[in-house]
Amino acid sequence: MNTPFLPLPRSRPGDGPRPPVRLSVAAASCALAALFSLFVGSVQAAEEAKPPASPAVQLFPDEVLAKGKGLEVRRSDLDSAIAAYRAAAASQNQTINEGTSGELEARMLDRLILNKILLLRATSEDRAKARESADKVIAETKRRAGSDKAYQRQLLGAGMQPDLYERRVFEQGVYERVTEREVKTTLTVTPEQVRAFYDEGIDVEARELQAVVDRLSKTNSDTAFFRDGTKKLADLKKATLARLEKPEQVRASHILLYIVEKGTRTDLPDDVKKTKRELIDKLIVRLKAGEDFTKLAKEFSEDPDVQQTGGEYTVPKDANMAPELKAALFALPVNQISDMITTVYGYHVAKVHERIPAGKVPFDKAEKDIREFLLNQEMLKRMPAYVETIKKEYGVELVGEKK
C-alpha cells in the first residue's frame, strides 16, 4: 500500500507506461540525481556509442579540451555528449533551455569532467553498491517490460542500446555513491530543524533567508529590500507547508486488461480486444458473486506490479492517471464492485476499500522524509564547492579552444 506522504516509484492503476512522479518532500533526492542523470548519464553512453570517425573527419585533430590527473576530455567527447543530452531530453518530451551554444558547451564540458573524476574517486565498495542497485533497477525494468524482447524494444525505441543503458544505470549509481560518501555523510540535520520544517515550513533556503530578514529588521526595516525579503520568506514557508498537505485519497483494488501494447501504446487487434472484453465481464460477475479480489487480480490482472501489490493502491485525488479510472474510483461507493471502466489503456474493474480525507500528514509519517529532504537540500548547497575542490585535486585545466 502506498504511504500517504511519499508516492512510490511505480505506476498507479491505469497509468500504462510510468508517468513522472509528482514531487514530494522526499523527492529532493531526485533533484540531486538530476545533477548527473540527463547530463552525466548520457555522457558515457555517448562516449561508448561514438561511431568510428570517417576519413574526412580524421583529417582534423580531435582536440583536447580539458585534462587532469588520469582524465582527458576531447572535442569528440563533448560533441557526442551534447547530441546524447538532446536526444535523451527529446525521448522524454522535455523542453530544454539551452542558452547560447557556448553556454551549453561549457555546462556539458564541466559535467564531462565531473563524470570522469567521480568514476576515478569510486572505491571498490562504491562500485559494489552501485552494481547491486543497478542490477535491481535493470531487473525491475525488464519485469515491467514483460519480456527481454520487450525490454530491448523499448530501449531501442528511446534511441539507446541495452548494454549502454545498463552501463549508464551502473555509473549513475557510482556517481550517487561517491557524492553520498564524500558529501552527504558529512552533513547533519537536527530534530529541531525537522520540527521547524513540519510546524513552520522552514527549510534550508527559508532558514538562510530568515537570518537575512532578522538582520535587516534591526537596521533597515523600512526598505523595499526588507519588505521583499519578508514576503519571499512567507511565500517559501507557505509553499513548504503545502507539501505536507495530502489531498483526498482512496484505497482501492484494481484489475487491468490492456487493450494496447504496453511499450508502444499501439492498439491491440480487435479480436484480442474482444477476448479481453469477454474476460473482464466474467471477472466482474465472479467479483460481484463474492470471489476474492486479490486472488483474481494476481491471476488475471496485467498490471505489472500486481504480484507485489495484489492490485491494491492508495490513490490521491491529484494522481496522474487515466481520468476515466480516477473519476470512477472517487465516485464508487466503498466495498462495491464497479462495472467495466474503459480507458485508453484497457478494461478495468475496481473496488474501493476506504476513503481517506484530505489533511496534513502526521509528523511520525513525515519525519523520515523531511530529514532526507533537508539533507539533500544541504547536499545540493555544498555541491558547487565540492566540485571545485575535486577539480583542483585532479589538476583540471581547460586547454585548446576552451582555454
Protein backbone atom coordinates (compact mmCIF):
# COMPACT_ATOMS: atom_id res chain seq x y z
CA MET A 1 0.00 0.00 0.00
CA ASN A 2 1.32 3.48 -0.83
CA THR A 3 2.19 5.71 2.08
CA PRO A 4 0.21 8.95 2.19
CA PHE A 5 3.37 11.04 2.11
CA LEU A 6 5.80 9.52 -0.37
CA PRO A 7 4.47 8.43 -3.76
CA LEU A 8 6.08 5.11 -4.59
CA PRO A 9 8.19 4.96 -7.78
CA ARG A 10 5.71 2.89 -9.72
CA SER A 11 2.65 3.48 -11.86
CA ARG A 12 -0.76 3.76 -10.34
CA PRO A 13 -3.52 1.63 -11.86
CA GLY A 14 -4.27 2.62 -15.42
CA ASP A 15 -1.16 4.74 -15.86
CA GLY A 16 0.19 2.47 -18.56
CA PRO A 17 3.85 3.43 -19.12
CA ARG A 18 5.08 5.08 -15.92
CA PRO A 19 4.46 8.87 -15.74
CA PRO A 20 6.72 11.32 -13.92
CA VAL A 21 6.23 11.05 -10.16
CA ARG A 22 4.77 14.15 -8.52
CA LEU A 23 7.37 15.99 -6.45
CA SER A 24 7.01 15.35 -2.72
CA VAL A 25 9.11 16.34 0.25
CA ALA A 26 11.12 13.14 -0.02
CA ALA A 27 11.81 13.70 -3.70
CA ALA A 28 14.61 16.19 -3.17
CA SER A 29 16.94 13.29 -3.89
CA CYS A 30 15.53 13.30 -7.42
CA ALA A 31 16.81 16.85 -7.83
CA LEU A 32 20.21 15.70 -6.65
CA ALA A 33 20.25 12.82 -9.10
CA ALA A 34 19.41 15.31 -11.85
CA LEU A 35 22.90 16.70 -11.46
CA PHE A 36 24.01 13.55 -13.22
CA SER A 37 21.05 11.92 -14.96
CA LEU A 38 20.45 13.68 -18.29
CA PHE A 39 23.82 15.42 -18.37
CA VAL A 40 26.30 12.92 -16.99
CA GLY A 41 24.33 9.75 -17.51
CA SER A 42 24.02 10.44 -21.22
CA VAL A 43 27.69 11.27 -21.50
CA GLN A 44 29.08 7.77 -21.02
CA ALA A 45 26.53 6.32 -23.38
CA ALA A 46 27.57 8.87 -25.96
CA GLU A 47 31.25 8.08 -25.45
CA GLU A 48 30.63 4.36 -25.90
CA ALA A 49 28.28 4.83 -28.85
CA LYS A 50 30.51 7.05 -30.96
CA PRO A 51 30.92 5.60 -34.46
CA PRO A 52 34.39 5.36 -35.99
CA ALA A 53 35.45 8.67 -37.48
CA SER A 54 35.16 8.97 -41.23
CA PRO A 55 38.34 9.53 -43.29
CA ALA A 56 37.31 13.18 -43.77
CA VAL A 57 36.94 13.70 -40.03
CA GLN A 58 40.30 12.01 -39.40
CA LEU A 59 41.98 14.78 -41.38
CA PHE A 60 41.30 17.12 -38.45
CA PRO A 61 42.74 16.62 -34.95
CA ASP A 62 40.41 15.58 -32.13
CA GLU A 63 41.29 18.50 -29.91
CA VAL A 64 41.83 18.03 -26.16
CA LEU A 65 39.52 20.46 -24.34
CA ALA A 66 40.34 19.56 -20.73
CA LYS A 67 42.80 17.39 -18.90
CA GLY A 68 43.85 16.44 -15.39
CA LYS A 69 45.33 13.57 -13.41
CA GLY A 70 44.04 10.41 -15.08
CA LEU A 71 41.47 12.15 -17.26
CA GLU A 72 41.13 13.84 -20.62
CA VAL A 73 38.15 15.29 -22.49
CA ARG A 74 38.29 15.72 -26.26
CA ARG A 75 36.16 17.63 -28.74
CA SER A 76 34.54 14.40 -29.94
CA ASP A 77 33.54 13.59 -26.33
CA LEU A 78 31.83 16.96 -25.97
CA ASP A 79 30.05 16.79 -29.34
CA SER A 80 28.75 13.30 -28.60
CA ALA A 81 27.65 14.27 -25.09
CA ILE A 82 25.67 17.26 -26.37
CA ALA A 83 23.99 15.08 -29.00
CA ALA A 84 23.12 12.45 -26.37
CA TYR A 85 21.82 15.12 -23.99
CA ARG A 86 19.47 16.49 -26.62
CA ALA A 87 18.35 13.01 -27.67
CA ALA A 88 17.67 11.97 -24.06
CA ALA A 89 15.60 15.09 -23.45
CA ALA A 90 13.66 14.63 -26.70
CA SER A 91 12.88 10.99 -25.85
CA GLN A 92 11.27 12.21 -22.60
CA ASN A 93 9.42 15.10 -24.29
CA GLN A 94 11.38 17.58 -22.20
CA THR A 95 11.92 21.17 -23.28
CA ILE A 96 15.43 22.38 -22.50
CA ASN A 97 16.55 25.95 -22.05
CA GLU A 98 20.00 25.52 -23.55
CA GLY A 99 21.06 29.16 -23.57
CA THR A 100 23.67 30.01 -26.18
CA SER A 101 25.73 27.33 -27.89
CA GLY A 102 28.75 28.41 -25.87
CA GLU A 103 26.84 28.18 -22.57
CA LEU A 104 25.62 24.66 -23.35
CA GLU A 105 29.13 23.53 -24.30
CA ALA A 106 30.59 25.00 -21.11
CA ARG A 107 28.00 23.27 -18.93
CA MET A 108 28.40 19.95 -20.70
CA LEU A 109 32.18 20.10 -20.59
CA ASP A 110 32.03 20.74 -16.86
CA ARG A 111 29.79 17.71 -16.41
CA LEU A 112 32.04 15.52 -18.55
CA ILE A 113 34.93 16.45 -16.29
CA LEU A 114 32.86 15.72 -13.18
CA ASN A 115 31.78 12.39 -14.68
CA LYS A 116 35.36 11.26 -15.12
CA ILE A 117 36.51 12.46 -11.70
CA LEU A 118 33.70 10.71 -9.86
CA LEU A 119 34.50 7.42 -11.60
CA LEU A 120 38.16 7.85 -10.63
CA ARG A 121 37.20 8.52 -6.99
CA ALA A 122 34.93 5.49 -6.67
CA THR A 123 36.08 2.84 -4.22
CA SER A 124 35.52 -0.88 -4.67
CA GLU A 125 32.72 -0.59 -2.13
CA ASP A 126 31.13 2.28 -4.09
CA ARG A 127 31.17 0.14 -7.21
CA ALA A 128 29.79 -2.91 -5.41
CA LYS A 129 26.87 -0.90 -4.00
CA ALA A 130 26.27 0.70 -7.40
CA ARG A 131 26.31 -2.73 -9.05
CA GLU A 132 23.77 -4.05 -6.57
CA SER A 133 21.38 -1.12 -7.03
CA ALA A 134 21.85 -1.15 -10.82
CA ASP A 135 21.01 -4.86 -11.01
CA LYS A 136 17.78 -4.20 -9.12
CA VAL A 137 16.82 -1.30 -11.41
CA ILE A 138 17.58 -3.31 -14.54
CA ALA A 139 15.68 -6.35 -13.27
CA GLU A 140 12.67 -4.18 -12.42
CA THR A 141 12.79 -2.51 -15.84
CA LYS A 142 12.82 -5.91 -17.54
CA ARG A 143 9.99 -7.16 -15.33
CA ARG A 144 7.83 -4.18 -16.13
CA ALA A 145 8.53 -4.56 -19.85
CA GLY A 146 7.17 -8.10 -19.68
CA SER A 147 9.97 -9.87 -21.54
CA ASP A 148 13.59 -9.43 -22.59
CA LYS A 149 12.47 -8.71 -26.14
CA ALA A 150 10.04 -6.03 -25.00
CA TYR A 151 12.76 -4.55 -22.75
CA GLN A 152 15.19 -4.31 -25.67
CA ARG A 153 12.49 -2.95 -27.98
CA GLN A 154 11.58 -0.17 -25.54
CA LEU A 155 15.20 0.89 -25.09
CA LEU A 156 15.90 0.85 -28.82
CA GLY A 157 12.75 2.93 -29.32
CA ALA A 158 14.26 5.53 -26.98
CA GLY A 159 17.47 5.51 -29.02
CA MET A 160 19.64 3.52 -26.58
CA GLN A 161 21.31 0.14 -26.85
CA PRO A 162 20.51 -2.14 -23.86
CA ASP A 163 24.18 -2.62 -22.91
CA LEU A 164 24.72 1.14 -22.88
CA TYR A 165 21.58 1.69 -20.81
CA GLU A 166 22.78 -0.86 -18.27
CA ARG A 167 26.20 0.78 -18.12
CA ARG A 168 24.53 4.15 -17.64
CA VAL A 169 22.42 2.84 -14.75
CA PHE A 170 25.52 1.40 -13.08
CA GLU A 171 27.53 4.60 -13.45
CA GLN A 172 24.62 6.68 -12.22
CA GLY A 173 24.80 4.56 -9.08
CA VAL A 174 28.55 5.17 -8.83
CA TYR A 175 28.09 8.95 -9.00
CA GLU A 176 25.47 8.82 -6.26
CA ARG A 177 27.54 6.52 -4.01
CA VAL A 178 30.63 8.73 -4.28
CA THR A 179 28.83 12.00 -3.58
CA GLU A 180 26.83 10.42 -0.78
CA ARG A 181 30.01 9.12 0.87
CA GLU A 182 32.07 12.27 0.38
CA VAL A 183 29.42 14.94 0.90
CA LYS A 184 26.15 13.66 2.35
CA THR A 185 27.69 11.66 5.20
CA THR A 186 29.41 14.82 6.47
CA LEU A 187 26.07 16.60 6.97
CA THR A 188 23.64 16.55 9.88
CA VAL A 189 20.03 17.56 10.35
CA THR A 190 18.85 18.19 13.90
CA PRO A 191 15.48 17.15 15.33
CA GLU A 192 14.76 20.86 15.83
CA GLN A 193 15.26 21.54 12.12
CA VAL A 194 12.92 18.68 11.21
CA ARG A 195 10.28 20.01 13.58
CA ALA A 196 10.68 23.59 12.27
CA PHE A 197 10.05 22.28 8.77
CA TYR A 198 6.88 20.50 9.87
CA ASP A 199 5.49 23.24 12.13
CA GLU A 200 6.65 26.42 10.37
CA GLY A 201 7.70 25.45 6.85
CA ILE A 202 11.36 26.34 7.42
CA ASP A 203 13.72 24.50 5.09
CA VAL A 204 17.37 25.33 4.30
CA GLU A 205 16.52 28.17 1.91
CA ALA A 206 13.99 29.68 4.32
CA ARG A 207 16.44 29.39 7.22
CA GLU A 208 19.06 31.38 5.32
CA LEU A 209 16.55 34.00 4.24
CA GLN A 210 15.22 34.23 7.81
CA ALA A 211 18.71 35.16 9.01
CA VAL A 212 18.91 37.96 6.42
CA VAL A 213 15.44 39.27 7.30
CA ASP A 214 16.29 39.22 11.01
CA ARG A 215 19.40 41.31 10.40
CA LEU A 216 17.53 43.80 8.24
CA SER A 217 14.75 44.14 10.80
CA LYS A 218 17.22 45.76 13.19
CA THR A 219 18.54 48.43 10.82
CA ASN A 220 16.64 48.53 7.50
CA SER A 221 13.08 47.55 8.27
CA ASP A 222 11.66 50.43 6.21
CA THR A 223 13.39 49.43 2.98
CA ALA A 224 11.86 47.72 -0.06
CA PHE A 225 14.58 45.08 0.27
CA PHE A 226 13.34 44.13 3.74
CA ARG A 227 9.70 44.06 2.61
CA ASP A 228 10.54 41.91 -0.43
CA GLY A 229 12.58 39.54 1.73
CA THR A 230 9.78 39.24 4.27
CA LYS A 231 7.24 38.46 1.55
CA LYS A 232 9.51 35.90 -0.10
CA LEU A 233 10.10 34.23 3.26
CA ALA A 234 6.36 33.97 3.92
CA ASP A 235 5.80 32.52 0.44
CA LEU A 236 8.56 29.96 0.95
CA LYS A 237 7.11 28.80 4.25
CA LYS A 238 3.62 28.59 2.79
CA ALA A 239 4.82 26.50 -0.15
CA THR A 240 6.74 24.16 2.13
CA LEU A 241 3.79 23.62 4.45
CA ALA A 242 1.60 22.94 1.41
CA ARG A 243 3.82 19.94 0.61
CA LEU A 244 2.71 18.37 3.86
CA GLU A 245 -0.96 18.57 2.90
CA LYS A 246 -2.24 15.42 1.26
CA PRO A 247 -5.35 15.50 -0.95
CA GLU A 248 -8.32 13.20 -0.53
CA GLN A 249 -7.35 9.60 -1.28
CA VAL A 250 -8.99 6.26 -1.91
CA ARG A 251 -7.56 2.85 -1.09
CA ALA A 252 -8.76 0.56 -3.84
CA SER A 253 -8.16 -2.76 -5.58
CA HIS A 254 -7.97 -2.93 -9.34
CA ILE A 255 -7.71 -5.35 -12.25
CA LEU A 256 -6.42 -4.19 -15.63
CA LEU A 257 -6.51 -5.91 -19.01
CA TYR A 258 -4.53 -3.95 -21.60
CA ILE A 259 -6.03 -3.12 -24.99
CA VAL A 260 -2.79 -1.50 -26.14
CA GLU A 261 0.75 -2.83 -26.44
CA LYS A 262 2.44 -1.75 -23.20
CA GLY A 263 5.66 -0.48 -24.74
CA THR A 264 4.34 1.41 -27.77
CA ARG A 265 0.70 2.10 -26.77
CA THR A 266 -0.42 0.87 -30.19
CA ASP A 267 -3.87 -0.72 -30.30
CA LEU A 268 -4.11 -4.48 -29.99
CA PRO A 269 -6.02 -6.36 -32.74
CA ASP A 270 -9.82 -6.27 -32.50
CA ASP A 271 -10.09 -10.00 -31.83
CA VAL A 272 -7.70 -9.66 -28.86
CA LYS A 273 -9.73 -6.74 -27.52
CA LYS A 274 -12.91 -8.80 -27.86
CA THR A 275 -11.40 -11.67 -25.89
CA LYS A 276 -10.29 -9.31 -23.13
CA ARG A 277 -13.71 -7.66 -23.04
CA GLU A 278 -15.31 -11.05 -22.51
CA LEU A 279 -12.80 -11.87 -19.76
CA ILE A 280 -13.34 -8.62 -17.85
CA ASP A 281 -17.13 -9.19 -17.97
CA LYS A 282 -16.65 -12.67 -16.50
CA LEU A 283 -14.35 -11.33 -13.79
CA ILE A 284 -16.91 -8.69 -12.80
CA VAL A 285 -19.55 -11.41 -12.41
CA ARG A 286 -17.20 -13.50 -10.24
CA LEU A 287 -16.23 -10.50 -8.09
CA LYS A 288 -19.84 -9.47 -7.56
CA ALA A 289 -20.55 -13.06 -6.55
CA GLY A 290 -18.03 -12.63 -3.72
CA GLU A 291 -14.79 -14.15 -5.03
CA ASP A 292 -11.55 -12.79 -3.53
CA PHE A 293 -10.38 -9.68 -5.38
CA THR A 294 -6.69 -10.14 -4.60
CA LYS A 295 -6.69 -13.74 -5.79
CA LEU A 296 -8.33 -12.85 -9.10
CA ALA A 297 -6.10 -9.82 -9.56
CA LYS A 298 -2.93 -11.90 -9.17
CA GLU A 299 -4.29 -14.49 -11.58
CA PHE A 300 -5.64 -12.25 -14.33
CA SER A 301 -4.53 -8.61 -13.99
CA GLU A 302 -1.92 -7.33 -16.44
CA ASP A 303 -0.84 -4.54 -14.10
CA PRO A 304 2.97 -5.08 -13.97
CA ASP A 305 3.04 -4.57 -10.19
CA VAL A 306 0.16 -6.88 -9.34
CA GLN A 307 2.24 -9.66 -7.80
CA GLN A 308 3.70 -7.15 -5.34
CA THR A 309 0.55 -5.13 -4.66
CA GLY A 310 -2.21 -7.68 -5.10
CA GLY A 311 -3.84 -4.96 -7.21
CA GLU A 312 -4.26 -2.63 -4.22
CA TYR A 313 -3.25 1.06 -4.37
CA THR A 314 -3.77 4.22 -2.40
CA VAL A 315 -4.63 6.86 -4.98
CA PRO A 316 -4.57 10.64 -4.28
CA LYS A 317 -7.15 12.80 -5.99
CA ASP A 318 -4.45 14.68 -7.88
CA ALA A 319 -2.91 11.44 -9.22
CA ASN A 320 -1.55 11.49 -12.77
CA MET A 321 -3.66 8.65 -14.12
CA ALA A 322 -6.34 7.82 -16.65
CA PRO A 323 -9.16 10.32 -15.95
CA GLU A 324 -11.95 7.77 -16.50
CA LEU A 325 -10.49 5.45 -13.87
CA LYS A 326 -9.84 8.23 -11.39
CA ALA A 327 -13.40 9.53 -11.77
CA ALA A 328 -14.78 6.05 -11.19
CA LEU A 329 -12.63 5.44 -8.09
CA PHE A 330 -13.72 8.66 -6.42
CA ALA A 331 -17.39 8.08 -7.26
CA LEU A 332 -17.62 4.38 -6.38
CA PRO A 333 -19.23 3.54 -3.00
CA VAL A 334 -16.99 1.74 -0.50
CA ASN A 335 -16.98 -2.08 -0.89
CA GLN A 336 -18.90 -2.00 -4.16
CA ILE A 337 -17.57 -3.71 -7.30
CA SER A 338 -17.53 -1.39 -10.30
CA ASP A 339 -18.86 -2.13 -13.73
CA MET A 340 -16.29 -2.20 -16.53
CA ILE A 341 -14.26 1.01 -16.77
CA THR A 342 -12.71 1.73 -20.17
CA THR A 343 -9.62 3.91 -20.62
CA VAL A 344 -7.11 4.39 -23.41
CA TYR A 345 -5.01 1.69 -21.73
CA GLY A 346 -7.57 -1.04 -21.30
CA TYR A 347 -10.51 -2.52 -19.46
CA HIS A 348 -10.66 -2.16 -15.67
CA VAL A 349 -12.68 -3.30 -12.71
CA ALA A 350 -12.20 -1.78 -9.25
CA LYS A 351 -13.33 -1.92 -5.65
CA VAL A 352 -12.84 0.91 -3.14
CA HIS A 353 -11.92 -0.25 0.36
CA GLU A 354 -11.52 3.09 2.13
CA ARG A 355 -11.81 6.84 1.63
CA ILE A 356 -9.08 8.90 3.28
CA PRO A 357 -9.92 12.59 3.83
CA ALA A 358 -7.55 15.38 2.89
CA GLY A 359 -5.33 16.77 5.61
CA LYS A 360 -1.82 17.29 6.93
CA VAL A 361 0.43 14.23 7.03
CA PRO A 362 1.04 13.13 10.65
CA PHE A 363 4.51 14.04 11.90
CA ASP A 364 5.54 10.45 12.57
CA LYS A 365 4.87 9.54 8.93
CA ALA A 366 6.61 12.67 7.60
CA GLU A 367 9.64 12.83 9.88
CA LYS A 368 11.94 10.48 7.97
CA ASP A 369 11.14 12.06 4.60
CA ILE A 370 11.63 15.58 5.95
CA ARG A 371 15.06 14.65 7.32
CA GLU A 372 16.08 13.20 3.95
CA PHE A 373 14.76 16.27 2.13
CA LEU A 374 16.76 18.63 4.34
CA LEU A 375 19.89 16.51 3.95
CA ASN A 376 19.55 16.66 0.19
CA GLN A 377 18.98 20.41 0.29
CA GLU A 378 22.19 20.79 2.28
CA MET A 379 23.97 18.49 -0.14
CA LEU A 380 22.88 20.48 -3.19
CA LYS A 381 24.10 23.61 -1.45
CA ARG A 382 27.53 22.04 -0.88
CA MET A 383 27.92 20.51 -4.33
CA PRO A 384 29.42 23.53 -6.18
CA ALA A 385 32.24 23.88 -3.61
CA TYR A 386 32.79 20.11 -3.62
CA VAL A 387 33.07 20.03 -7.41
CA GLU A 388 35.60 22.88 -7.42
CA THR A 389 37.63 21.15 -4.70
CA ILE A 390 37.93 17.85 -6.54
CA LYS A 391 38.70 19.61 -9.83
CA LYS A 392 41.65 21.29 -8.13
CA GLU A 393 42.69 18.00 -6.56
CA TYR A 394 42.89 16.44 -10.02
CA GLY A 395 44.62 19.46 -11.51
CA VAL A 396 41.91 20.01 -14.10
CA GLU A 397 42.72 22.64 -16.69
CA LEU A 398 40.95 23.76 -19.84
CA VAL A 399 43.06 23.69 -22.96
CA GLY A 400 42.62 24.18 -26.69
CA GLU A 401 39.78 26.43 -27.81
CA LYS A 402 38.22 26.34 -24.32
CA LYS A 403 41.27 27.78 -22.60
